[in-house]
């Protein structure tokens, strides 16, 4: 019996060691970014597959800051949207699987960012806003994906009033429901984007440029709970 137990433990340990994965370095996970050394980024209007019609606008308006902070030049949305509408290119879903060299020629962009919002649900009772979103950076030179992350972000809008007992519980629920209803979509979008791009390889305008390849990369797929303190 002891031999059988020992064998089962050994098998479990071996299986665990085989399935455990080491966190990849950014230089390994995002080889295309380091090879191309992109500088200029074009933000395409998000592809909104959720039932929230306003999600597209708020995501688009909050994408530039974390990418700028990472050391890239982001083409101003006011300028890019004007040109995209004039060229009948406002619907990003028509271009995500097409050659992107024209965007490089017209905008001088090295990268094009596509964002796909698959879900945006709000629950006042649970005081949560749940967003499923995917980010795809594609090269205008090679048309290859050089950076992508897909995640489920739960935005926690709950409030603790500090009141004791059952009345305190009811007060917390009421305050949380009101706070969830009042939470601005732009705050949720900003938190999603800030978390997603925290492992974006540093661009030329960053003091970390050329030195962050040995830092760990984030997982391509993630689940995370954030709140208003995350920016």
Foldseek 3Di string as FASTA:
>chain_A
DVVVVVVVVVVVVVVVVVPDDDFAFQCVQQVVCLVVQWAEEEEAQEAEQEPDPCLRVLLSVQQPVLQVQLHHHYDDPVVRVVVCVVVVNNNVVVPLPHQQLVVCVPVVGQKYKYKYWNYWDFDLQQLKTKTWMKIFIAGNVPRDTRDIATEIEIEHQWDQPVDDDPVSVVVRRVVSSVSSVVDDSNLVSNLVNNVRCPQPHGHPRDPCHPPRRRPGHDDRYYYYYHYSVRD
